[in-house]
Structure formats: C-alpha cells, structure tokens
Amino acid sequence: MSETVQPQLLHLVIGGELLDLDHVTFKDLDKVEVVGLFPNYATAYAAWKSKAQQTVDNAHMRYFIVHLHRLLDPGQDSKSAH
C-alpha cells in the first residue's frame, strides 16, 4: 500500500520592528524573529496572525509570510492558489 504524499508549499513567517511604515526595512536585522517554517499557507497564516495579534500595540512591528515554494520552484505559481 503506497501513501499519498501531499505537496509541500513551504512558507516562512518572519517579523521584526521596521524603521518606518512606508518601507519594509527592519530596524535591527539581529532582532528579526524567525517564527517558523510551515508546510502550507494555512498553517503559516495561523502563525502569522498569532504573532501579529501579540504585537498589535506596536505599529512598527510587522510579520510577513514568505512564499518559499515560489522561490524554490517559480513555475509552481501556475499550479497552486497560494
């Protein structure tokens, strides 16, 4: 019996304090937090949302979802929604 392997659409969640609200330039790269690596958008979104809600009082603190699967396999965009 063979297992069906789900495709990994790797996503990275990172965050940190920005210099200003007009650009994505971190104030201190040594303090950028790597929240984690996730196998799909849904789990990455849940982690992003949790971290973003924890820092809602600091307007300069931002978290981002990086679509690593798009960097690893650029042709994959046409195969998936996220």
PDB file of N, CA and C in Angstrom:
ATOM      1  N   MET A   1       0.834  -1.181   0.000  1.00  0.00           N
ATOM      2  CA  MET A   1       0.000   0.000   0.000  1.00  0.00           C
ATOM      3  C   MET A   1       0.882   1.248   0.000  1.00  0.00           C
ATOM      4  N   SER A   2       0.672   2.134  -0.931  1.00  0.00           N
ATOM      5  CA  SER A   2       1.506   3.336  -1.009  1.00  0.00           C
ATOM      6  C   SER A   2       0.770   4.535  -0.414  1.00  0.00           C
ATOM      7  N   GLU A   3       1.549   5.414   0.209  1.00  0.00           N
ATOM      8  CA  GLU A   3       0.991   6.621   0.806  1.00  0.00           C
ATOM      9  C   GLU A   3       0.929   7.727  -0.237  1.00  0.00           C
ATOM     10  N   THR A   4      -0.109   8.538  -0.139  1.00  0.00           N
ATOM     11  CA  THR A   4      -0.199   9.710  -0.992  1.00  0.00           C
ATOM     12  C   THR A   4       0.544  10.839  -0.295  1.00  0.00           C
ATOM     13  N   VAL A   5       1.544  11.368  -0.941  1.00  0.00           N
ATOM     14  CA  VAL A   5       2.344  12.446  -0.357  1.00  0.00           C
ATOM     15  C   VAL A   5       1.751  13.781  -0.780  1.00  0.00           C
ATOM     16  N   GLN A   6       1.403  14.587   0.223  1.00  0.00           N
ATOM     17  CA  GLN A   6       0.870  15.919  -0.046  1.00  0.00           C
ATOM     18  C   GLN A   6       2.029  16.831  -0.466  1.00  0.00           C
ATOM     19  N   PRO A   7       1.815  17.669  -1.459  1.00  0.00           N
ATOM     20  CA  PRO A   7       2.889  18.590  -1.857  1.00  0.00           C
ATOM     21  C   PRO A   7       3.189  19.583  -0.744  1.00  0.00           C
ATOM     22  N   GLN A   8       4.454  19.886  -0.556  1.00  0.00           N
ATOM     23  CA  GLN A   8       4.849  20.884   0.427  1.00  0.00           C
ATOM     24  C   GLN A   8       4.953  22.236  -0.259  1.00  0.00           C
ATOM     25  N   LEU A   9       4.137  23.141   0.183  1.00  0.00           N
ATOM     26  CA  LEU A   9       4.219  24.517  -0.303  1.00  0.00           C
ATOM     27  C   LEU A   9       4.819  25.330   0.850  1.00  0.00           C
ATOM     28  N   LEU A  10       6.138  25.282   0.954  1.00  0.00           N
ATOM     29  CA  LEU A  10       6.829  25.857   2.104  1.00  0.00           C
ATOM     30  C   LEU A  10       6.623  27.360   2.233  1.00  0.00           C
ATOM     31  N   HIS A  11       6.340  27.784   3.467  1.00  0.00           N
ATOM     32  CA  HIS A  11       6.154  29.192   3.806  1.00  0.00           C
ATOM     33  C   HIS A  11       6.973  29.493   5.051  1.00  0.00           C
ATOM     34  N   LEU A  12       7.587  30.654   5.072  1.00  0.00           N
ATOM     35  CA  LEU A  12       8.387  31.119   6.199  1.00  0.00           C
ATOM     36  C   LEU A  12       7.692  32.333   6.806  1.00  0.00           C
ATOM     37  N   VAL A  13       7.578  32.355   8.125  1.00  0.00           N
ATOM     38  CA  VAL A  13       6.998  33.516   8.806  1.00  0.00           C
ATOM     39  C   VAL A  13       8.121  34.190   9.587  1.00  0.00           C
ATOM     40  N   ILE A  14       8.332  35.479   9.292  1.00  0.00           N
ATOM     41  CA  ILE A  14       9.351  36.270   9.979  1.00  0.00           C
ATOM     42  C   ILE A  14       8.737  37.600  10.404  1.00  0.00           C
ATOM     43  N   GLY A  15       9.390  38.271  11.332  1.00  0.00           N
ATOM     44  CA  GLY A  15       8.890  39.572  11.745  1.00  0.00           C
ATOM     45  C   GLY A  15       9.910  40.347  12.536  1.00  0.00           C
ATOM     46  N   GLY A  16       9.640  41.622  12.650  1.00  0.00           N
ATOM     47  CA  GLY A  16      10.513  42.497  13.412  1.00  0.00           C
ATOM     48  C   GLY A  16      10.037  43.930  13.314  1.00  0.00           C
ATOM     49  N   GLU A  17      10.766  44.788  13.980  1.00  0.00           N
ATOM     50  CA  GLU A  17      10.404  46.204  14.004  1.00  0.00           C
ATOM     51  C   GLU A  17      10.957  46.905  12.763  1.00  0.00           C
ATOM     52  N   LEU A  18      10.110  47.667  12.097  1.00  0.00           N
ATOM     53  CA  LEU A  18      10.505  48.393  10.893  1.00  0.00           C
ATOM     54  C   LEU A  18      10.996  49.795  11.234  1.00  0.00           C
ATOM     55  N   LEU A  19      11.849  50.351  10.376  1.00  0.00           N
ATOM     56  CA  LEU A  19      12.320  51.728  10.559  1.00  0.00           C
ATOM     57  C   LEU A  19      11.174  52.723  10.423  1.00  0.00           C
ATOM     58  N   ASP A  20      10.340  52.506   9.407  1.00  0.00           N
ATOM     59  CA  ASP A  20       9.181  53.371   9.191  1.00  0.00           C
ATOM     60  C   ASP A  20       8.076  52.547   8.539  1.00  0.00           C
ATOM     61  N   LEU A  21       6.902  53.118   8.450  1.00  0.00           N
ATOM     62  CA  LEU A  21       5.746  52.382   7.942  1.00  0.00           C
ATOM     63  C   LEU A  21       5.638  52.386   6.421  1.00  0.00           C
ATOM     64  N   ASP A  22       6.503  53.139   5.755  1.00  0.00           N
ATOM     65  CA  ASP A  22       6.440  53.236   4.302  1.00  0.00           C
ATOM     66  C   ASP A  22       7.318  52.223   3.572  1.00  0.00           C
ATOM     67  N   HIS A  23       8.204  51.552   4.308  1.00  0.00           N
ATOM     68  CA  HIS A  23       9.143  50.622   3.680  1.00  0.00           C
ATOM     69  C   HIS A  23       9.280  49.353   4.511  1.00  0.00           C
ATOM     70  N   VAL A  24       9.708  48.292   3.882  1.00  0.00           N
ATOM     71  CA  VAL A  24       9.991  47.050   4.602  1.00  0.00           C
ATOM     72  C   VAL A  24      11.494  46.998   4.839  1.00  0.00           C
ATOM     73  N   THR A  25      11.929  47.826   5.784  1.00  0.00           N
ATOM     74  CA  THR A  25      13.336  47.869   6.191  1.00  0.00           C
ATOM     75  C   THR A  25      13.360  47.659   7.697  1.00  0.00           C
ATOM     76  N   PHE A  26      13.953  46.539   8.112  1.00  0.00           N
ATOM     77  CA  PHE A  26      13.983  46.233   9.535  1.00  0.00           C
ATOM     78  C   PHE A  26      14.941  47.151  10.272  1.00  0.00           C
ATOM     79  N   LYS A  27      14.541  47.558  11.475  1.00  0.00           N
ATOM     80  CA  LYS A  27      15.339  48.438  12.315  1.00  0.00           C
ATOM     81  C   LYS A  27      16.653  47.762  12.729  1.00  0.00           C
ATOM     82  N   ASP A  28      16.590  46.480  13.064  1.00  0.00           N
ATOM     83  CA  ASP A  28      17.778  45.745  13.518  1.00  0.00           C
ATOM     84  C   ASP A  28      17.656  44.296  13.027  1.00  0.00           C
ATOM     85  N   LEU A  29      18.470  43.928  12.030  1.00  0.00           N
ATOM     86  CA  LEU A  29      18.394  42.577  11.469  1.00  0.00           C
ATOM     87  C   LEU A  29      18.711  41.488  12.498  1.00  0.00           C
ATOM     88  N   ASP A  30      19.499  41.822  13.511  1.00  0.00           N
ATOM     89  CA  ASP A  30      19.813  40.847  14.551  1.00  0.00           C
ATOM     90  C   ASP A  30      18.591  40.504  15.399  1.00  0.00           C
ATOM     91  N   LYS A  31      17.575  41.361  15.353  1.00  0.00           N
ATOM     92  CA  LYS A  31      16.367  41.137  16.151  1.00  0.00           C
ATOM     93  C   LYS A  31      15.185  40.654  15.318  1.00  0.00           C
ATOM     94  N   VAL A  32      15.405  40.350  14.043  1.00  0.00           N
ATOM     95  CA  VAL A  32      14.330  39.793  13.219  1.00  0.00           C
ATOM     96  C   VAL A  32      14.035  38.388  13.744  1.00  0.00           C
ATOM     97  N   GLU A  33      12.768  38.151  14.006  1.00  0.00           N
ATOM     98  CA  GLU A  33      12.350  36.865  14.566  1.00  0.00           C
ATOM     99  C   GLU A  33      11.931  35.910  13.446  1.00  0.00           C
ATOM    100  N   VAL A  34      12.491  34.724  13.461  1.00  0.00           N
ATOM    101  CA  VAL A  34      12.049  33.669  12.559  1.00  0.00           C
ATOM    102  C   VAL A  34      11.014  32.866  13.349  1.00  0.00           C
ATOM    103  N   VAL A  35       9.756  33.055  12.998  1.00  0.00           N
ATOM    104  CA  VAL A  35       8.670  32.377  13.705  1.00  0.00           C
ATOM    105  C   VAL A  35       8.683  30.898  13.372  1.00  0.00           C
ATOM    106  N   GLY A  36       8.867  30.578  12.086  1.00  0.00           N
ATOM    107  CA  GLY A  36       8.940  29.175  11.717  1.00  0.00           C
ATOM    108  C   GLY A  36       8.751  28.918  10.238  1.00  0.00           C
ATOM    109  N   LEU A  37       8.946  27.675   9.883  1.00  0.00           N
ATOM    110  CA  LEU A  37       8.778  27.185   8.525  1.00  0.00           C
ATOM    111  C   LEU A  37       7.557  26.284   8.535  1.00  0.00           C
ATOM    112  N   PHE A  38       6.646  26.483   7.572  1.00  0.00           N
ATOM    113  CA  PHE A  38       5.368  25.797   7.580  1.00  0.00           C
ATOM    114  C   PHE A  38       5.119  25.107   6.238  1.00  0.00           C
ATOM    115  N   PRO A  39       4.419  23.960   6.260  1.00  0.00           N
ATOM    116  CA  PRO A  39       4.235  23.165   5.056  1.00  0.00           C
ATOM    117  C   PRO A  39       3.157  23.673   4.108  1.00  0.00           C
ATOM    118  N   ASN A  40       2.368  24.650   4.557  1.00  0.00           N
ATOM    119  CA  ASN A  40       1.302  25.189   3.697  1.00  0.00           C
ATOM    120  C   ASN A  40       0.910  26.582   4.177  1.00  0.00           C
ATOM    121  N   TYR A  41       0.141  27.265   3.351  1.00  0.00           N
ATOM    122  CA  TYR A  41      -0.245  28.643   3.662  1.00  0.00           C
ATOM    123  C   TYR A  41      -1.126  28.725   4.901  1.00  0.00           C
ATOM    124  N   ALA A  42      -2.038  27.786   5.069  1.00  0.00           N
ATOM    125  CA  ALA A  42      -2.987  27.838   6.189  1.00  0.00           C
ATOM    126  C   ALA A  42      -2.265  27.837   7.536  1.00  0.00           C
ATOM    127  N   THR A  43      -1.278  26.980   7.708  1.00  0.00           N
ATOM    128  CA  THR A  43      -0.564  26.941   8.981  1.00  0.00           C
ATOM    129  C   THR A  43       0.350  28.163   9.140  1.00  0.00           C
ATOM    130  N   ALA A  44       0.921  28.633   8.058  1.00  0.00           N
ATOM    131  CA  ALA A  44       1.731  29.851   8.111  1.00  0.00           C
ATOM    132  C   ALA A  44       0.862  31.050   8.487  1.00  0.00           C
ATOM    133  N   TYR A  45      -0.333  31.117   7.919  1.00  0.00           N
ATOM    134  CA  TYR A  45      -1.254  32.216   8.213  1.00  0.00           C
ATOM    135  C   TYR A  45      -1.652  32.209   9.691  1.00  0.00           C
ATOM    136  N   ALA A  46      -1.921  31.042  10.235  1.00  0.00           N
ATOM    137  CA  ALA A  46      -2.285  30.941  11.651  1.00  0.00           C
ATOM    138  C   ALA A  46      -1.150  31.446  12.545  1.00  0.00           C
ATOM    139  N   ALA A  47       0.086  31.078  12.216  1.00  0.00           N
ATOM    140  CA  ALA A  47       1.251  31.540  12.988  1.00  0.00           C
ATOM    141  C   ALA A  47       1.442  33.045  12.830  1.00  0.00           C
ATOM    142  N   TRP A  48       1.307  33.544  11.601  1.00  0.00           N
ATOM    143  CA  TRP A  48       1.436  34.979  11.335  1.00  0.00           C
ATOM    144  C   TRP A  48       0.395  35.763  12.132  1.00  0.00           C
ATOM    145  N   LYS A  49      -0.839  35.304  12.083  1.00  0.00           N
ATOM    146  CA  LYS A  49      -1.935  36.004  12.763  1.00  0.00           C
ATOM    147  C   LYS A  49      -1.707  36.052  14.271  1.00  0.00           C
ATOM    148  N   SER A  50      -1.254  34.948  14.835  1.00  0.00           N
ATOM    149  CA  SER A  50      -0.985  34.890  16.262  1.00  0.00           C
ATOM    150  C   SER A  50       0.092  35.894  16.668  1.00  0.00           C
ATOM    151  N   LYS A  51       1.208  35.919  15.919  1.00  0.00           N
ATOM    152  CA  LYS A  51       2.297  36.858  16.231  1.00  0.00           C
ATOM    153  C   LYS A  51       1.872  38.301  16.011  1.00  0.00           C
ATOM    154  N   ALA A  52       1.132  38.552  14.946  1.00  0.00           N
ATOM    155  CA  ALA A  52       0.680  39.918  14.651  1.00  0.00           C
ATOM    156  C   ALA A  52      -0.243  40.423  15.756  1.00  0.00           C
ATOM    157  N   GLN A  53      -1.117  39.572  16.263  1.00  0.00           N
ATOM    158  CA  GLN A  53      -2.032  39.977  17.331  1.00  0.00           C
ATOM    159  C   GLN A  53      -1.287  40.257  18.633  1.00  0.00           C
ATOM    160  N   GLN A  54      -0.193  39.548  18.877  1.00  0.00           N
ATOM    161  CA  GLN A  54       0.592  39.755  20.098  1.00  0.00           C
ATOM    162  C   GLN A  54       1.303  41.100  20.104  1.00  0.00           C
ATOM    163  N   THR A  55       1.535  41.669  18.932  1.00  0.00           N
ATOM    164  CA  THR A  55       2.308  42.914  18.824  1.00  0.00           C
ATOM    165  C   THR A  55       1.464  44.067  18.283  1.00  0.00           C
ATOM    166  N   VAL A  56       0.160  43.963  18.424  1.00  0.00           N
ATOM    167  CA  VAL A  56      -0.746  44.953  17.835  1.00  0.00           C
ATOM    168  C   VAL A  56      -0.519  46.368  18.383  1.00  0.00           C
ATOM    169  N   ASP A  57       0.024  46.499  19.569  1.00  0.00           N
ATOM    170  CA  ASP A  57       0.247  47.818  20.161  1.00  0.00           C
ATOM    171  C   ASP A  57       1.458  48.552  19.596  1.00  0.00           C
ATOM    172  N   ASN A  58       2.316  47.863  18.850  1.00  0.00           N
ATOM    173  CA  ASN A  58       3.493  48.488  18.259  1.00  0.00           C
ATOM    174  C   ASN A  58       3.288  48.557  16.740  1.00  0.00           C
ATOM    175  N   ALA A  59       2.968  49.732  16.243  1.00  0.00           N
ATOM    176  CA  ALA A  59       2.674  49.894  14.810  1.00  0.00           C
ATOM    177  C   ALA A  59       3.869  49.575  13.919  1.00  0.00           C
ATOM    178  N   HIS A  60       5.072  49.669  14.443  1.00  0.00           N
ATOM    179  CA  HIS A  60       6.266  49.407  13.641  1.00  0.00           C
ATOM    180  C   HIS A  60       6.649  47.918  13.600  1.00  0.00           C
ATOM    181  N   MET A  61       6.000  47.120  14.429  1.00  0.00           N
ATOM    182  CA  MET A  61       6.286  45.685  14.458  1.00  0.00           C
ATOM    183  C   MET A  61       5.418  45.002  13.403  1.00  0.00           C
ATOM    184  N   ARG A  62       6.060  44.315  12.483  1.00  0.00           N
ATOM    185  CA  ARG A  62       5.337  43.655  11.389  1.00  0.00           C
ATOM    186  C   ARG A  62       5.842  42.233  11.187  1.00  0.00           C
ATOM    187  N   TYR A  63       4.926  41.379  10.824  1.00  0.00           N
ATOM    188  CA  TYR A  63       5.247  39.991  10.491  1.00  0.00           C
ATOM    189  C   TYR A  63       4.850  39.735   9.050  1.00  0.00           C
ATOM    190  N   PHE A  64       5.598  38.845   8.392  1.00  0.00           N
ATOM    191  CA  PHE A  64       5.404  38.578   6.973  1.00  0.00           C
ATOM    192  C   PHE A  64       5.400  37.080   6.710  1.00  0.00           C
ATOM    193  N   ILE A  65       4.623  36.692   5.707  1.00  0.00           N
ATOM    194  CA  ILE A  65       4.649  35.316   5.212  1.00  0.00           C
ATOM    195  C   ILE A  65       5.437  35.334   3.903  1.00  0.00           C
ATOM    196  N   VAL A  66       6.519  34.579   3.871  1.00  0.00           N
ATOM    197  CA  VAL A  66       7.352  34.483   2.673  1.00  0.00           C
ATOM    198  C   VAL A  66       7.013  33.154   1.993  1.00  0.00           C
ATOM    199  N   HIS A  67       6.606  33.230   0.748  1.00  0.00           N
ATOM    200  CA  HIS A  67       6.236  32.041  -0.015  1.00  0.00           C
ATOM    201  C   HIS A  67       7.507  31.388  -0.569  1.00  0.00           C
ATOM    202  N   LEU A  68       8.155  30.579   0.258  1.00  0.00           N
ATOM    203  CA  LEU A  68       9.417  29.950  -0.147  1.00  0.00           C
ATOM    204  C   LEU A  68       9.250  29.038  -1.352  1.00  0.00           C
ATOM    205  N   HIS A  69       8.107  28.393  -1.461  1.00  0.00           N
ATOM    206  CA  HIS A  69       7.895  27.481  -2.587  1.00  0.00           C
ATOM    207  C   HIS A  69       7.959  28.219  -3.916  1.00  0.00           C
ATOM    208  N   ARG A  70       7.618  29.495  -3.925  1.00  0.00           N
ATOM    209  CA  ARG A  70       7.703  30.288  -5.159  1.00  0.00           C
ATOM    210  C   ARG A  70       9.156  30.596  -5.516  1.00  0.00           C
ATOM    211  N   LEU A  71      10.003  30.712  -4.504  1.00  0.00           N
ATOM    212  CA  LEU A  71      11.426  30.954  -4.759  1.00  0.00           C
ATOM    213  C   LEU A  71      12.128  29.668  -5.186  1.00  0.00           C
ATOM    214  N   LEU A  72      11.723  28.551  -4.597  1.00  0.00           N
ATOM    215  CA  LEU A  72      12.352  27.263  -4.897  1.00  0.00           C
ATOM    216  C   LEU A  72      11.924  26.708  -6.247  1.00  0.00           C
ATOM    217  N   ASP A  73      10.661  26.970  -6.632  1.00  0.00           N
ATOM    218  CA  ASP A  73      10.123  26.459  -7.886  1.00  0.00           C
ATOM    219  C   ASP A  73       9.197  27.519  -8.491  1.00  0.00           C
ATOM    220  N   PRO A  74       9.763  28.524  -9.180  1.00  0.00           N
ATOM    221  CA  PRO A  74       8.949  29.637  -9.702  1.00  0.00           C
ATOM    222  C   PRO A  74       7.800  29.201 -10.609  1.00  0.00           C
ATOM    223  N   GLY A  75       7.922  28.093 -11.298  1.00  0.00           N
ATOM    224  CA  GLY A  75       6.850  27.616 -12.169  1.00  0.00           C
ATOM    225  C   GLY A  75       5.673  27.061 -11.406  1.00  0.00           C
ATOM    226  N   GLN A  76       5.832  26.884 -10.096  1.00  0.00           N
ATOM    227  CA  GLN A  76       4.785  26.304  -9.277  1.00  0.00           C
ATOM    228  C   GLN A  76       3.589  27.243  -9.094  1.00  0.00           C
ATOM    229  N   ASP A  77       3.761  28.534  -9.281  1.00  0.00           N
ATOM    230  CA  ASP A  77       2.672  29.504  -9.123  1.00  0.00           C
ATOM    231  C   ASP A  77       1.457  29.137  -9.963  1.00  0.00           C
ATOM    232  N   SER A  78       1.679  28.650 -11.135  1.00  0.00           N
ATOM    233  CA  SER A  78       0.561  28.320 -12.006  1.00  0.00           C
ATOM    234  C   SER A  78      -0.150  27.040 -11.559  1.00  0.00           C
ATOM    235  N   LYS A  79       0.471  26.289 -10.630  1.00  0.00           N
ATOM    236  CA  LYS A  79      -0.090  25.033 -10.170  1.00  0.00           C
ATOM    237  C   LYS A  79      -0.911  25.176  -8.890  1.00  0.00           C
ATOM    238  N   SER A  80      -0.756  26.312  -8.171  1.00  0.00           N
ATOM    239  CA  SER A  80      -1.423  26.445  -6.866  1.00  0.00           C
ATOM    240  C   SER A  80      -1.957  27.857  -6.662  1.00  0.00           C
ATOM    241  N   ALA A  81      -2.907  27.975  -5.756  1.00  0.00           N
ATOM    242  CA  ALA A  81      -3.515  29.279  -5.454  1.00  0.00           C
ATOM    243  C   ALA A  81      -2.655  30.090  -4.507  1.00  0.00           C
ATOM    244  N   HIS A  82      -1.934  29.432  -3.581  1.00  0.00           N
ATOM    245  CA  HIS A  82      -1.078  30.143  -2.621  1.00  0.00           C
ATOM    246  C   HIS A  82       0.293  29.616  -2.801  1.00  0.00           C
TER     247      HIS A  82
END
